[in-house]
Amino acid sequence: MVDQTSQFYAILTKVGAAKQANADALGIPWKITQMAVGDANPAGVDNPPLPMPDASWTSLLGEWRRAPLNQLKVDEKDNAVIVAEQVIPAEIGGRWIREVGLYDADGDLVAVANCAPTYKPLLSQGSGRTQVVRMNLVVSSSSNVALKIDPSVVLATREYVDKAREATELYARNQLKIHTDAANPHPQYLLRSAVANDVGPLTWLGDASGTANALALALKHPEAKLAAYAAGQRFQFKAVASNTGLVTVKINDLAAVAVKKAEDGALVDLLSGDIRAGALYDLSFDGTSFQLGSTGSSLDSVLRRSLRMGGAPITASTVLTDNQLGHVIVDAAVGALTVTLPSSSATLRGVEVTLSRKDVTANMLSIAASGAEKIVLPGTADGMPATELIFAGDYLTLRADGAGKWWCVGQAQLPASIQSGLVSYAAPGVYAFAVPPVLRAGRRIPSVTLTGGGGSGARSSTASGAGGSAGGTAIKRVSLTGLSSVTLTIAEGGLSRSTSNGSGYDGGTTSFGDIFSATGGGGGLSNGVGGPPGSGVGGDINIDGGRSGNLLAGFTPLNRAGGDGGASYWGGGSVSADSANPALAPGSGGGGAVSSSGKGADGIGKIEW
């Protein structure tokens, strides 16, 4: 306690004493908000005397810092004493502390104290510390002192933090004990024992046991209970065997119930193969029977497969399963690969898969149907065993019809550089036509036009020979799906007869592999009769070549010239002359002559898409 011998003490100022009396009388709060410290040395002398607090002071003698209180509390041992505390951070100082003052919310000095001189250094002076300044002030009653500070502008002492932590830990332990001791601490959730009784969420039952047609299922969690079936309950299981007929299912010890499927607007019994080994199925109880939903027919399953978009790309040849449908990304950067579709069975009827290509290489990326099944692209009504994804970003969306076919219901727009093309062969010879990927994949069906070689004209020095007939033409749309190359033979026209009298030579046959062909025109005869024209064989359109001109009986043309060559699909043959010119239009016949007959034109092959 402070007495007449005390050297260091704190007192209320006259203003402070009046405000405390007013607060006690009226019961209104008295807000002490700030603490000031000073050096009590306004004259700046060395070793100033220790200041003696005076109730008449309205300010400190040498205040150098004023800041909000860090803490204002009632002393734990004496309710008549309030403790005011301020923390001075390390970066503030360089002055002596000899006096302390408290200010209230009105800015009035309400209490002053002196203290043993202490120097508060700065870090820049080579020493620094965070300093706590406390004032213990005796008041007549602490009940009207507002013990409230602003925590956003103050620093906390270690002691304060430790006490706050201890209080928080004690509160947390008490709350945790209340939580763990409660019979149902989470009333917003179902108890594990009641999960199977809930209507709505799927309950996973794992692998089915029993037989293929009499399934036995069990709840997985040991605490789960199922008192009875209720409409709206939903379960999921994995089939171990494929069914061979009608199916029933029992869960735990409940009675077996028939399993139905929705078909054509009605619920019907299952057929053999409706449940397949290894597939996941949903069961929904409708109050009478369980309705089957599967990875191939239930909306939930289709949506789950759709969520596979963005998964890891396939980088090696793969056979897809029923559960791998949705959006499948394929990367053939390492090398050629084939992705084989699952069987388009009744289980997958209506299910779609989108396959898209990621890499930018020219490696072949094939999409193949299962076994003897087919992929049906536009323009390929019978379907084909395989197709391809050609370029980066290319995709196909295929839908199973449940009867062995996958129908294309969407595909990428082909780049202009590959969506159309024209290749022609006009010189006689045998060629290997390299099938472009867009044709090999069946994404385009080319139209191929073939024309056989024209026959040459006849030569006769005593009578006029006939011209050669034109080669035939065949036009056909040819699917080149799966073919890497096709042998194309371009016919040579009949050779000119120039050294001896006689009939002209026949033109050769132009062919496109063993698919279809166009025969050559016959050479003109020396007796003035034209040779037989060529014809198309096996085309969608088959056109005979033009027949050469004949001479009329007993008529000898001017200069003893022969008959004209026959016209082909591409144009007329060469005219008769004393020494006929070779035919120019592909496949046309050469003219007859008396000295040197016209050569038949060579055949041609044109591939266009």
Foldseek 3Di string as FASTA:
>chain_A
DDDPPDPWAKAWAPVQQVVLVVCVVVVAAWFWWKKWFAQLCPPPDPPDDQDDDDNPDFDGNGTDDMDTWPWWAADPVDQQKIKTKAKDAFQDFPGKTFKMFIAGPVRTTTMIIGDDIDGADHVVVVDTDIDMDMHIYGHPGCPRYPGDYDNVGGDDDPVRVVVVVVVVVVVVVVVVVVQVVDPCNCVVDDDQQDVQVDADDEFEFEEWDDDQAETETEHDDPNHDDPDDDARGKYKYAYAAWHAFWHWYDYDPDDIATEWEDDPRDTDTDHTRLHHHGWMWMWGDHPHHTYIDTCQHDPVNLVVLQVCPPPDADAAAEEDDSSNFHEHEHEPPVAAYEYEYPFLAQSNAFRKHKYFYADADQHWYKYFYPDPAFEDEPPRVVGDGIATQGGHGWMWMWGRRNPRYTYTPDIDDDDPVPPKDKDKDFDFDKDKAFDDRCLQRVVDWKKKKKWWWWWWWFAAQVAWWWWTWFWKMAIAGDRNHNPRIWMWGWKAWWAKDADDGFWTAWIAKTDTHPQWIIGATHTIGNVFAYTHWIWTGNHPDMGTTFTWGGDDPPDQDPLRWGTFWTAGPFGEAWGTDQATAAGDGARIIWGIHHGMIHTIRIMMMMIID
